[in-house]
């Protein structure tokens, strides 16, 4: 019935500020911007930011995670940029992950597992 997830929508307070932050700190490339929306290229599933303005409420539980082949490098890069990251990378059996927060306080997560 379905071929893939087309995009993931994610709320932000101010679209222009978020575009700058996601571009600078996460290295994402803007695909397009329209009234209240901005879409970033992110492999197979783009990330679309949705401006909520005064109706914004931070996401406190990660809605998705970014996969990183070198999670230690990503962790160090975000931390060096002054971004709020978890105290350490969690390592339950078979996976490693950590959380961090964007400029609006939204929780995001990064994970790694041995790819086949």
PDB file of N, CA and C in Angstrom:
ATOM      1  N   UNK A   1       0.817  -1.192   0.000  1.00  0.00           N
ATOM      2  CA  UNK A   1       0.000   0.000   0.000  1.00  0.00           C
ATOM      3  C   UNK A   1       0.864   1.260   0.000  1.00  0.00           C
ATOM      4  N   UNK A   2       1.850   1.331   0.907  1.00  0.00           N
ATOM      5  CA  UNK A   2       2.719   2.511   1.002  1.00  0.00           C
ATOM      6  C   UNK A   2       4.118   2.166   0.514  1.00  0.00           C
ATOM      7  N   UNK A   3       4.749   3.126  -0.072  1.00  0.00           N
ATOM      8  CA  UNK A   3       6.110   2.929  -0.563  1.00  0.00           C
ATOM      9  C   UNK A   3       7.159   3.393   0.454  1.00  0.00           C
ATOM     10  N   UNK A   4       6.881   4.500   1.172  1.00  0.00           N
ATOM     11  CA  UNK A   4       7.837   5.047   2.133  1.00  0.00           C
ATOM     12  C   UNK A   4       7.152   6.141   2.959  1.00  0.00           C
ATOM     13  N   UNK A   5       7.855   6.623   3.963  1.00  0.00           N
ATOM     14  CA  UNK A   5       7.432   7.842   4.658  1.00  0.00           C
ATOM     15  C   UNK A   5       7.955   8.989   3.817  1.00  0.00           C
ATOM     16  N   UNK A   6       7.081   9.892   3.425  1.00  0.00           N
ATOM     17  CA  UNK A   6       7.476  10.975   2.530  1.00  0.00           C
ATOM     18  C   UNK A   6       8.283  12.052   3.243  1.00  0.00           C
ATOM     19  N   UNK A   7       7.853  12.442   4.433  1.00  0.00           N
ATOM     20  CA  UNK A   7       8.563  13.457   5.213  1.00  0.00           C
ATOM     21  C   UNK A   7       8.186  13.299   6.675  1.00  0.00           C
ATOM     22  N   UNK A   8       8.993  13.879   7.534  1.00  0.00           N
ATOM     23  CA  UNK A   8       8.695  13.949   8.959  1.00  0.00           C
ATOM     24  C   UNK A   8       8.480  15.425   9.267  1.00  0.00           C
ATOM     25  N   UNK A   9       7.336  15.768   9.874  1.00  0.00           N
ATOM     26  CA  UNK A   9       7.037  17.146  10.243  1.00  0.00           C
ATOM     27  C   UNK A   9       7.475  17.383  11.677  1.00  0.00           C
ATOM     28  N   UNK A  10       8.097  18.553  11.915  1.00  0.00           N
ATOM     29  CA  UNK A  10       8.632  18.852  13.238  1.00  0.00           C
ATOM     30  C   UNK A  10       8.361  20.314  13.570  1.00  0.00           C
ATOM     31  N   UNK A  11       7.780  20.591  14.750  1.00  0.00           N
ATOM     32  CA  UNK A  11       7.407  21.965  15.094  1.00  0.00           C
ATOM     33  C   UNK A  11       8.584  22.813  15.568  1.00  0.00           C
ATOM     34  N   UNK A  12       8.559  24.084  15.177  1.00  0.00           N
ATOM     35  CA  UNK A  12       9.537  25.067  15.651  1.00  0.00           C
ATOM     36  C   UNK A  12       8.805  26.370  15.964  1.00  0.00           C
ATOM     37  N   UNK A  13       9.430  27.183  16.773  1.00  0.00           N
ATOM     38  CA  UNK A  13       8.819  28.462  17.151  1.00  0.00           C
ATOM     39  C   UNK A  13       8.941  29.492  16.026  1.00  0.00           C
ATOM     40  N   UNK A  14      10.161  29.654  15.489  1.00  0.00           N
ATOM     41  CA  UNK A  14      10.436  30.655  14.467  1.00  0.00           C
ATOM     42  C   UNK A  14      11.153  29.971  13.309  1.00  0.00           C
ATOM     43  N   UNK A  15      10.535  29.965  12.142  1.00  0.00           N
ATOM     44  CA  UNK A  15      11.048  29.205  11.005  1.00  0.00           C
ATOM     45  C   UNK A  15      12.417  29.677  10.546  1.00  0.00           C
ATOM     46  N   UNK A  16      12.609  30.977  10.382  1.00  0.00           N
ATOM     47  CA  UNK A  16      13.895  31.470   9.890  1.00  0.00           C
ATOM     48  C   UNK A  16      15.027  31.154  10.867  1.00  0.00           C
ATOM     49  N   UNK A  17      14.781  31.326  12.156  1.00  0.00           N
ATOM     50  CA  UNK A  17      15.801  30.996  13.155  1.00  0.00           C
ATOM     51  C   UNK A  17      16.112  29.500  13.124  1.00  0.00           C
ATOM     52  N   UNK A  18      15.089  28.680  12.994  1.00  0.00           N
ATOM     53  CA  UNK A  18      15.285  27.231  12.959  1.00  0.00           C
ATOM     54  C   UNK A  18      16.037  26.793  11.702  1.00  0.00           C
ATOM     55  N   UNK A  19      15.734  27.399  10.568  1.00  0.00           N
ATOM     56  CA  UNK A  19      16.457  27.072   9.332  1.00  0.00           C
ATOM     57  C   UNK A  19      17.949  27.318   9.534  1.00  0.00           C
ATOM     58  N   UNK A  20      18.290  28.453  10.112  1.00  0.00           N
ATOM     59  CA  UNK A  20      19.691  28.764  10.380  1.00  0.00           C
ATOM     60  C   UNK A  20      20.332  27.766  11.322  1.00  0.00           C
ATOM     61  N   UNK A  21      19.638  27.408  12.385  1.00  0.00           N
ATOM     62  CA  UNK A  21      20.182  26.491  13.388  1.00  0.00           C
ATOM     63  C   UNK A  21      20.377  25.090  12.807  1.00  0.00           C
ATOM     64  N   UNK A  22      19.360  24.564  12.136  1.00  0.00           N
ATOM     65  CA  UNK A  22      19.447  23.206  11.574  1.00  0.00           C
ATOM     66  C   UNK A  22      20.496  23.135  10.460  1.00  0.00           C
ATOM     67  N   UNK A  23      20.648  24.207   9.710  1.00  0.00           N
ATOM     68  CA  UNK A  23      21.684  24.247   8.667  1.00  0.00           C
ATOM     69  C   UNK A  23      23.072  24.282   9.295  1.00  0.00           C
ATOM     70  N   UNK A  24      23.267  25.202  10.228  1.00  0.00           N
ATOM     71  CA  UNK A  24      24.585  25.396  10.840  1.00  0.00           C
ATOM     72  C   UNK A  24      25.018  24.210  11.699  1.00  0.00           C
ATOM     73  N   UNK A  25      24.159  23.786  12.622  1.00  0.00           N
ATOM     74  CA  UNK A  25      24.573  22.796  13.610  1.00  0.00           C
ATOM     75  C   UNK A  25      24.389  21.345  13.172  1.00  0.00           C
ATOM     76  N   UNK A  26      23.416  21.089  12.301  1.00  0.00           N
ATOM     77  CA  UNK A  26      23.190  19.709  11.875  1.00  0.00           C
ATOM     78  C   UNK A  26      23.655  19.465  10.443  1.00  0.00           C
ATOM     79  N   UNK A  27      24.080  20.527   9.773  1.00  0.00           N
ATOM     80  CA  UNK A  27      24.604  20.377   8.418  1.00  0.00           C
ATOM     81  C   UNK A  27      23.561  19.996   7.385  1.00  0.00           C
ATOM     82  N   UNK A  28      22.291  20.305   7.662  1.00  0.00           N
ATOM     83  CA  UNK A  28      21.222  19.949   6.724  1.00  0.00           C
ATOM     84  C   UNK A  28      21.113  20.989   5.614  1.00  0.00           C
ATOM     85  N   UNK A  29      20.739  20.529   4.438  1.00  0.00           N
ATOM     86  CA  UNK A  29      20.591  21.391   3.264  1.00  0.00           C
ATOM     87  C   UNK A  29      19.112  21.663   3.011  1.00  0.00           C
ATOM     88  N   UNK A  30      18.771  22.942   2.929  1.00  0.00           N
ATOM     89  CA  UNK A  30      17.389  23.343   2.682  1.00  0.00           C
ATOM     90  C   UNK A  30      16.982  22.957   1.271  1.00  0.00           C
ATOM     91  N   UNK A  31      15.889  22.217   1.153  1.00  0.00           N
ATOM     92  CA  UNK A  31      15.344  21.822  -0.148  1.00  0.00           C
ATOM     93  C   UNK A  31      14.388  22.891  -0.664  1.00  0.00           C
ATOM     94  N   UNK A  32      13.452  23.313   0.202  1.00  0.00           N
ATOM     95  CA  UNK A  32      12.517  24.366  -0.175  1.00  0.00           C
ATOM     96  C   UNK A  32      11.941  25.013   1.081  1.00  0.00           C
ATOM     97  N   UNK A  33      11.408  26.214   0.882  1.00  0.00           N
ATOM     98  CA  UNK A  33      10.753  26.960   1.958  1.00  0.00           C
ATOM     99  C   UNK A  33       9.478  27.560   1.385  1.00  0.00           C
ATOM    100  N   UNK A  34       8.392  27.446   2.128  1.00  0.00           N
ATOM    101  CA  UNK A  34       7.106  28.035   1.759  1.00  0.00           C
ATOM    102  C   UNK A  34       6.516  28.643   3.034  1.00  0.00           C
ATOM    103  N   UNK A  35       5.404  29.292   2.906  1.00  0.00           N
ATOM    104  CA  UNK A  35       4.771  29.946   4.047  1.00  0.00           C
ATOM    105  C   UNK A  35       4.588  28.979   5.217  1.00  0.00           C
ATOM    106  N   UNK A  36       5.400  29.161   6.272  1.00  0.00           N
ATOM    107  CA  UNK A  36       5.269  28.365   7.483  1.00  0.00           C
ATOM    108  C   UNK A  36       5.946  27.010   7.459  1.00  0.00           C
ATOM    109  N   UNK A  37       6.608  26.655   6.360  1.00  0.00           N
ATOM    110  CA  UNK A  37       7.235  25.341   6.224  1.00  0.00           C
ATOM    111  C   UNK A  37       8.626  25.476   5.615  1.00  0.00           C
ATOM    112  N   UNK A  38       9.517  24.589   6.018  1.00  0.00           N
ATOM    113  CA  UNK A  38      10.841  24.501   5.401  1.00  0.00           C
ATOM    114  C   UNK A  38      11.237  23.031   5.389  1.00  0.00           C
ATOM    115  N   UNK A  39      11.679  22.560   4.242  1.00  0.00           N
ATOM    116  CA  UNK A  39      12.014  21.150   4.080  1.00  0.00           C
ATOM    117  C   UNK A  39      13.517  20.992   3.854  1.00  0.00           C
ATOM    118  N   UNK A  40      14.126  20.087   4.615  1.00  0.00           N
ATOM    119  CA  UNK A  40      15.546  19.785   4.492  1.00  0.00           C
ATOM    120  C   UNK A  40      15.741  18.419   3.863  1.00  0.00           C
ATOM    121  N   UNK A  41      16.747  18.314   2.988  1.00  0.00           N
ATOM    122  CA  UNK A  41      17.141  17.012   2.450  1.00  0.00           C
ATOM    123  C   UNK A  41      17.755  16.205   3.578  1.00  0.00           C
ATOM    124  N   UNK A  42      17.321  14.971   3.693  1.00  0.00           N
ATOM    125  CA  UNK A  42      17.881  14.090   4.712  1.00  0.00           C
ATOM    126  C   UNK A  42      17.737  12.649   4.231  1.00  0.00           C
ATOM    127  N   UNK A  43      18.593  12.281   3.297  1.00  0.00           N
ATOM    128  CA  UNK A  43      18.586  10.941   2.705  1.00  0.00           C
ATOM    129  C   UNK A  43      17.200  10.643   2.129  1.00  0.00           C
ATOM    130  N   UNK A  44      16.651   9.520   2.501  1.00  0.00           N
ATOM    131  CA  UNK A  44      15.387   9.056   1.922  1.00  0.00           C
ATOM    132  C   UNK A  44      14.156   9.789   2.453  1.00  0.00           C
ATOM    133  N   UNK A  45      14.216  10.253   3.700  1.00  0.00           N
ATOM    134  CA  UNK A  45      13.062  10.877   4.336  1.00  0.00           C
ATOM    135  C   UNK A  45      13.397  12.307   4.745  1.00  0.00           C
ATOM    136  N   UNK A  46      12.888  13.298   4.025  1.00  0.00           N
ATOM    137  CA  UNK A  46      13.171  14.695   4.370  1.00  0.00           C
ATOM    138  C   UNK A  46      12.597  15.083   5.737  1.00  0.00           C
ATOM    139  N   UNK A  47      13.156  16.137   6.299  1.00  0.00           N
ATOM    140  CA  UNK A  47      12.669  16.706   7.549  1.00  0.00           C
ATOM    141  C   UNK A  47      12.035  18.046   7.226  1.00  0.00           C
ATOM    142  N   UNK A  48      10.751  18.192   7.563  1.00  0.00           N
ATOM    143  CA  UNK A  48      10.022  19.425   7.294  1.00  0.00           C
ATOM    144  C   UNK A  48       9.703  20.135   8.604  1.00  0.00           C
ATOM    145  N   UNK A  49      10.247  21.336   8.760  1.00  0.00           N
ATOM    146  CA  UNK A  49       9.966  22.146   9.935  1.00  0.00           C
ATOM    147  C   UNK A  49       8.668  22.904   9.710  1.00  0.00           C
ATOM    148  N   UNK A  50       7.859  22.989  10.751  1.00  0.00           N
ATOM    149  CA  UNK A  50       6.573  23.674  10.692  1.00  0.00           C
ATOM    150  C   UNK A  50       6.577  24.771  11.742  1.00  0.00           C
ATOM    151  N   UNK A  51       6.404  26.019  11.300  1.00  0.00           N
ATOM    152  CA  UNK A  51       6.411  27.153  12.226  1.00  0.00           C
ATOM    153  C   UNK A  51       5.106  27.201  13.006  1.00  0.00           C
ATOM    154  N   UNK A  52       5.216  27.223  14.345  1.00  0.00           N
ATOM    155  CA  UNK A  52       4.039  27.246  15.219  1.00  0.00           C
ATOM    156  C   UNK A  52       3.851  28.584  15.927  1.00  0.00           C
ATOM    157  N   UNK A  53       4.875  29.436  15.923  1.00  0.00           N
ATOM    158  CA  UNK A  53       4.757  30.746  16.559  1.00  0.00           C
ATOM    159  C   UNK A  53       4.362  30.647  18.014  1.00  0.00           C
ATOM    160  N   UNK A  54       3.374  31.429  18.434  1.00  0.00           N
ATOM    161  CA  UNK A  54       2.961  31.452  19.844  1.00  0.00           C
ATOM    162  C   UNK A  54       2.260  30.172  20.269  1.00  0.00           C
ATOM    163  N   UNK A  55       1.844  29.327  19.324  1.00  0.00           N
ATOM    164  CA  UNK A  55       1.199  28.048  19.649  1.00  0.00           C
ATOM    165  C   UNK A  55       2.221  26.927  19.854  1.00  0.00           C
ATOM    166  N   UNK A  56       3.515  27.264  19.774  1.00  0.00           N
ATOM    167  CA  UNK A  56       4.574  26.269  19.876  1.00  0.00           C
ATOM    168  C   UNK A  56       4.661  25.659  21.268  1.00  0.00           C
ATOM    169  N   UNK A  57       4.810  24.353  21.317  1.00  0.00           N
ATOM    170  CA  UNK A  57       5.105  23.614  22.540  1.00  0.00           C
ATOM    171  C   UNK A  57       6.280  22.686  22.221  1.00  0.00           C
ATOM    172  N   UNK A  58       7.347  22.714  23.011  1.00  0.00           N
ATOM    173  CA  UNK A  58       8.500  21.863  22.706  1.00  0.00           C
ATOM    174  C   UNK A  58       8.161  20.371  22.729  1.00  0.00           C
ATOM    175  N   UNK A  59       8.811  19.636  21.859  1.00  0.00           N
ATOM    176  CA  UNK A  59       8.695  18.183  21.834  1.00  0.00           C
ATOM    177  C   UNK A  59       9.618  17.650  22.921  1.00  0.00           C
ATOM    178  N   UNK A  60       9.066  16.938  23.898  1.00  0.00           N
ATOM    179  CA  UNK A  60       9.875  16.469  25.023  1.00  0.00           C
ATOM    180  C   UNK A  60      10.340  15.031  24.867  1.00  0.00           C
ATOM    181  N   UNK A  61       9.655  14.244  24.049  1.00  0.00           N
ATOM    182  CA  UNK A  61      10.062  12.870  23.747  1.00  0.00           C
ATOM    183  C   UNK A  61      10.401  12.814  22.275  1.00  0.00           C
ATOM    184  N   UNK A  62      11.554  12.272  21.950  1.00  0.00           N
ATOM    185  CA  UNK A  62      11.993  12.234  20.554  1.00  0.00           C
ATOM    186  C   UNK A  62      10.958  11.541  19.678  1.00  0.00           C
ATOM    187  N   UNK A  63      10.599  12.194  18.572  1.00  0.00           N
ATOM    188  CA  UNK A  63       9.642  11.644  17.617  1.00  0.00           C
ATOM    189  C   UNK A  63      10.327  10.739  16.599  1.00  0.00           C
ATOM    190  N   UNK A  64      11.622  10.921  16.442  1.00  0.00           N
ATOM    191  CA  UNK A  64      12.430  10.160  15.496  1.00  0.00           C
ATOM    192  C   UNK A  64      13.873  10.287  15.952  1.00  0.00           C
ATOM    193  N   UNK A  65      14.764   9.544  15.318  1.00  0.00           N
ATOM    194  CA  UNK A  65      16.183   9.741  15.613  1.00  0.00           C
ATOM    195  C   UNK A  65      16.972   9.810  14.317  1.00  0.00           C
ATOM    196  N   UNK A  66      18.100  10.479  14.402  1.00  0.00           N
ATOM    197  CA  UNK A  66      19.038  10.550  13.293  1.00  0.00           C
ATOM    198  C   UNK A  66      20.000   9.376  13.451  1.00  0.00           C
ATOM    199  N   UNK A  67      20.321   8.687  12.361  1.00  0.00           N
ATOM    200  CA  UNK A  67      21.336   7.644  12.413  1.00  0.00           C
ATOM    201  C   UNK A  67      22.680   8.274  12.065  1.00  0.00           C
ATOM    202  N   UNK A  68      23.712   7.962  12.843  1.00  0.00           N
ATOM    203  CA  UNK A  68      25.055   8.479  12.575  1.00  0.00           C
ATOM    204  C   UNK A  68      26.041   7.313  12.551  1.00  0.00           C
ATOM    205  N   UNK A  69      26.814   7.218  11.481  1.00  0.00           N
ATOM    206  CA  UNK A  69      27.813   6.163  11.363  1.00  0.00           C
ATOM    207  C   UNK A  69      28.927   6.347  12.397  1.00  0.00           C
ATOM    208  N   UNK A  70      29.205   7.611  12.774  1.00  0.00           N
ATOM    209  CA  UNK A  70      30.231   7.914  13.780  1.00  0.00           C
ATOM    210  C   UNK A  70      29.587   8.735  14.896  1.00  0.00           C
ATOM    211  N   UNK A  71      28.892   8.056  15.771  1.00  0.00           N
ATOM    212  CA  UNK A  71      28.122   8.721  16.821  1.00  0.00           C
ATOM    213  C   UNK A  71      29.016   9.501  17.777  1.00  0.00           C
ATOM    214  N   UNK A  72      30.236   9.017  18.026  1.00  0.00           N
ATOM    215  CA  UNK A  72      31.145   9.728  18.937  1.00  0.00           C
ATOM    216  C   UNK A  72      31.528  11.092  18.381  1.00  0.00           C
ATOM    217  N   UNK A  73      31.758  11.154  17.080  1.00  0.00           N
ATOM    218  CA  UNK A  73      32.104  12.415  16.429  1.00  0.00           C
ATOM    219  C   UNK A  73      30.927  13.392  16.463  1.00  0.00           C
ATOM    220  N   UNK A  74      29.731  12.895  16.197  1.00  0.00           N
ATOM    221  CA  UNK A  74      28.534  13.755  16.232  1.00  0.00           C
ATOM    222  C   UNK A  74      28.330  14.300  17.640  1.00  0.00           C
ATOM    223  N   UNK A  75      28.460  13.433  18.634  1.00  0.00           N
ATOM    224  CA  UNK A  75      28.313  13.850  20.031  1.00  0.00           C
ATOM    225  C   UNK A  75      29.307  14.963  20.374  1.00  0.00           C
ATOM    226  N   UNK A  76      30.568  14.747  20.018  1.00  0.00           N
ATOM    227  CA  UNK A  76      31.617  15.740  20.319  1.00  0.00           C
ATOM    228  C   UNK A  76      31.372  17.051  19.581  1.00  0.00           C
ATOM    229  N   UNK A  77      30.942  16.972  18.329  1.00  0.00           N
ATOM    230  CA  UNK A  77      30.685  18.182  17.531  1.00  0.00           C
ATOM    231  C   UNK A  77      29.553  19.007  18.132  1.00  0.00           C
ATOM    232  N   UNK A  78      28.451  18.356  18.486  1.00  0.00           N
ATOM    233  CA  UNK A  78      27.314  19.076  19.070  1.00  0.00           C
ATOM    234  C   UNK A  78      27.696  19.686  20.417  1.00  0.00           C
ATOM    235  N   UNK A  79      28.385  18.913  21.225  1.00  0.00           N
ATOM    236  CA  UNK A  79      28.788  19.401  22.546  1.00  0.00           C
ATOM    237  C   UNK A  79      29.740  20.594  22.415  1.00  0.00           C
ATOM    238  N   UNK A  80      30.688  20.523  21.488  1.00  0.00           N
ATOM    239  CA  UNK A  80      31.645  21.614  21.277  1.00  0.00           C
ATOM    240  C   UNK A  80      30.956  22.884  20.784  1.00  0.00           C
ATOM    241  N   UNK A  81      29.804  22.718  20.108  1.00  0.00           N
ATOM    242  CA  UNK A  81      29.044  23.868  19.610  1.00  0.00           C
ATOM    243  C   UNK A  81      28.179  24.493  20.702  1.00  0.00           C
ATOM    244  N   UNK A  82      28.213  23.924  21.914  1.00  0.00           N
ATOM    245  CA  UNK A  82      27.436  24.467  23.024  1.00  0.00           C
ATOM    246  C   UNK A  82      25.997  24.002  23.043  1.00  0.00           C
ATOM    247  N   UNK A  83      25.690  22.972  22.278  1.00  0.00           N
ATOM    248  CA  UNK A  83      24.327  22.431  22.238  1.00  0.00           C
ATOM    249  C   UNK A  83      24.125  21.520  23.443  1.00  0.00           C
ATOM    250  N   UNK A  84      22.953  21.606  24.053  1.00  0.00           N
ATOM    251  CA  UNK A  84      22.634  20.774  25.206  1.00  0.00           C
ATOM    252  C   UNK A  84      22.483  19.322  24.761  1.00  0.00           C
ATOM    253  N   UNK A  85      23.392  18.470  25.219  1.00  0.00           N
ATOM    254  CA  UNK A  85      23.352  17.043  24.899  1.00  0.00           C
ATOM    255  C   UNK A  85      23.258  16.253  26.201  1.00  0.00           C
ATOM    256  N   UNK A  86      22.806  14.991  26.102  1.00  0.00           N
ATOM    257  CA  UNK A  86      22.781  14.122  27.278  1.00  0.00           C
ATOM    258  C   UNK A  86      24.182  14.021  27.864  1.00  0.00           C
ATOM    259  N   UNK A  87      24.265  13.675  29.139  1.00  0.00           N
ATOM    260  CA  UNK A  87      25.551  13.583  29.816  1.00  0.00           C
ATOM    261  C   UNK A  87      26.484  12.552  29.193  1.00  0.00           C
ATOM    262  N   UNK A  88      25.909  11.510  28.615  1.00  0.00           N
ATOM    263  CA  UNK A  88      26.732  10.478  27.981  1.00  0.00           C
ATOM    264  C   UNK A  88      25.936   9.749  26.914  1.00  0.00           C
ATOM    265  N   UNK A  89      26.642   8.975  26.123  1.00  0.00           N
ATOM    266  CA  UNK A  89      25.994   8.150  25.099  1.00  0.00           C
ATOM    267  C   UNK A  89      25.536   6.863  25.776  1.00  0.00           C
ATOM    268  N   UNK A  90      24.246   6.580  25.725  1.00  0.00           N
ATOM    269  CA  UNK A  90      23.699   5.351  26.302  1.00  0.00           C
ATOM    270  C   UNK A  90      24.082   4.175  25.411  1.00  0.00           C
ATOM    271  N   UNK A  91      24.269   3.016  26.041  1.00  0.00           N
ATOM    272  CA  UNK A  91      24.712   1.861  25.266  1.00  0.00           C
ATOM    273  C   UNK A  91      24.045   0.567  25.727  1.00  0.00           C
ATOM    274  N   UNK A  92      22.712   0.484  25.570  1.00  0.00           N
ATOM    275  CA  UNK A  92      22.088  -0.809  25.845  1.00  0.00           C
ATOM    276  C   UNK A  92      22.551  -1.815  24.777  1.00  0.00           C
ATOM    277  N   UNK A  93      22.321  -3.096  24.958  1.00  0.00           N
ATOM    278  CA  UNK A  93      22.805  -4.086  23.992  1.00  0.00           C
ATOM    279  C   UNK A  93      22.367  -3.781  22.550  1.00  0.00           C
ATOM    280  N   UNK A  94      23.355  -3.742  21.651  1.00  0.00           N
ATOM    281  CA  UNK A  94      23.081  -3.633  20.230  1.00  0.00           C
ATOM    282  C   UNK A  94      22.881  -2.246  19.654  1.00  0.00           C
ATOM    283  N   UNK A  95      22.858  -1.206  20.478  1.00  0.00           N
ATOM    284  CA  UNK A  95      22.610   0.146  19.981  1.00  0.00           C
ATOM    285  C   UNK A  95      23.278   1.160  20.906  1.00  0.00           C
ATOM    286  N   UNK A  96      23.635   2.305  20.366  1.00  0.00           N
ATOM    287  CA  UNK A  96      24.123   3.421  21.169  1.00  0.00           C
ATOM    288  C   UNK A  96      23.295   4.633  20.762  1.00  0.00           C
ATOM    289  N   UNK A  97      22.966   5.510  21.717  1.00  0.00           N
ATOM    290  CA  UNK A  97      22.181   6.693  21.383  1.00  0.00           C
ATOM    291  C   UNK A  97      22.383   7.784  22.419  1.00  0.00           C
ATOM    292  N   UNK A  98      22.040   9.005  21.999  1.00  0.00           N
ATOM    293  CA  UNK A  98      22.015  10.134  22.929  1.00  0.00           C
ATOM    294  C   UNK A  98      20.994  11.139  22.429  1.00  0.00           C
ATOM    295  N   UNK A  99      20.553  11.975  23.352  1.00  0.00           N
ATOM    296  CA  UNK A  99      19.600  13.020  23.017  1.00  0.00           C
ATOM    297  C   UNK A  99      20.259  14.387  23.074  1.00  0.00           C
ATOM    298  N   UNK A 100      19.649  15.326  22.382  1.00  0.00           N
ATOM    299  CA  UNK A 100      20.090  16.716  22.432  1.00  0.00           C
ATOM    300  C   UNK A 100      18.888  17.602  22.169  1.00  0.00           C
ATOM    301  N   UNK A 101      19.056  18.907  22.338  1.00  0.00           N
ATOM    302  CA  UNK A 101      17.942  19.839  22.172  1.00  0.00           C
ATOM    303  C   UNK A 101      18.285  20.913  21.155  1.00  0.00           C
ATOM    304  N   UNK A 102      17.282  21.257  20.341  1.00  0.00           N
ATOM    305  CA  UNK A 102      17.477  22.331  19.366  1.00  0.00           C
ATOM    306  C   UNK A 102      17.285  23.688  20.048  1.00  0.00           C
ATOM    307  N   UNK A 103      17.298  24.755  19.280  1.00  0.00           N
ATOM    308  CA  UNK A 103      17.212  26.098  19.850  1.00  0.00           C
ATOM    309  C   UNK A 103      15.890  26.374  20.548  1.00  0.00           C
ATOM    310  N   UNK A 104      14.839  25.603  20.241  1.00  0.00           N
ATOM    311  CA  UNK A 104      13.534  25.779  20.878  1.00  0.00           C
ATOM    312  C   UNK A 104      13.312  24.831  22.048  1.00  0.00           C
ATOM    313  N   UNK A 105      14.300  23.985  22.341  1.00  0.00           N
ATOM    314  CA  UNK A 105      14.152  23.023  23.429  1.00  0.00           C
ATOM    315  C   UNK A 105      13.519  21.714  23.001  1.00  0.00           C
ATOM    316  N   UNK A 106      13.326  21.499  21.699  1.00  0.00           N
ATOM    317  CA  UNK A 106      12.815  20.218  21.206  1.00  0.00           C
ATOM    318  C   UNK A 106      13.858  19.136  21.420  1.00  0.00           C
ATOM    319  N   UNK A 107      13.420  17.970  21.880  1.00  0.00           N
ATOM    320  CA  UNK A 107      14.348  16.845  22.053  1.00  0.00           C
ATOM    321  C   UNK A 107      14.492  16.095  20.732  1.00  0.00           C
ATOM    322  N   UNK A 108      15.741  15.876  20.370  1.00  0.00           N
ATOM    323  CA  UNK A 108      16.100  15.083  19.202  1.00  0.00           C
ATOM    324  C   UNK A 108      17.038  13.987  19.668  1.00  0.00           C
ATOM    325  N   UNK A 109      17.160  12.913  18.896  1.00  0.00           N
ATOM    326  CA  UNK A 109      18.069  11.838  19.281  1.00  0.00           C
ATOM    327  C   UNK A 109      18.904  11.381  18.105  1.00  0.00           C
ATOM    328  N   UNK A 110      20.074  10.858  18.443  1.00  0.00           N
ATOM    329  CA  UNK A 110      21.003  10.283  17.469  1.00  0.00           C
ATOM    330  C   UNK A 110      21.251   8.849  17.902  1.00  0.00           C
ATOM    331  N   UNK A 111      21.256   7.933  16.951  1.00  0.00           N
ATOM    332  CA  UNK A 111      21.530   6.546  17.290  1.00  0.00           C
ATOM    333  C   UNK A 111      22.562   5.950  16.348  1.00  0.00           C
ATOM    334  N   UNK A 112      23.108   4.833  16.769  1.00  0.00           N
ATOM    335  CA  UNK A 112      24.054   4.054  15.963  1.00  0.00           C
ATOM    336  C   UNK A 112      23.870   2.590  16.337  1.00  0.00           C
ATOM    337  N   UNK A 113      23.957   1.747  15.356  1.00  0.00           N
ATOM    338  CA  UNK A 113      24.017   0.303  15.568  1.00  0.00           C
ATOM    339  C   UNK A 113      24.845  -0.268  14.435  1.00  0.00           C
ATOM    340  N   UNK A 114      25.404  -1.460  14.610  1.00  0.00           N
ATOM    341  CA  UNK A 114      26.237  -2.031  13.560  1.00  0.00           C
ATOM    342  C   UNK A 114      25.394  -2.380  12.331  1.00  0.00           C
ATOM    343  N   UNK A 115      25.654  -1.689  11.243  1.00  0.00           N
ATOM    344  CA  UNK A 115      24.926  -1.982  10.021  1.00  0.00           C
ATOM    345  C   UNK A 115      25.479  -3.241   9.383  1.00  0.00           C
ATOM    346  N   UNK A 116      24.633  -3.956   8.704  1.00  0.00           N
ATOM    347  CA  UNK A 116      25.042  -5.208   8.029  1.00  0.00           C
ATOM    348  C   UNK A 116      25.661  -4.917   6.704  1.00  0.00           C
TER     349      UNK A 116
END
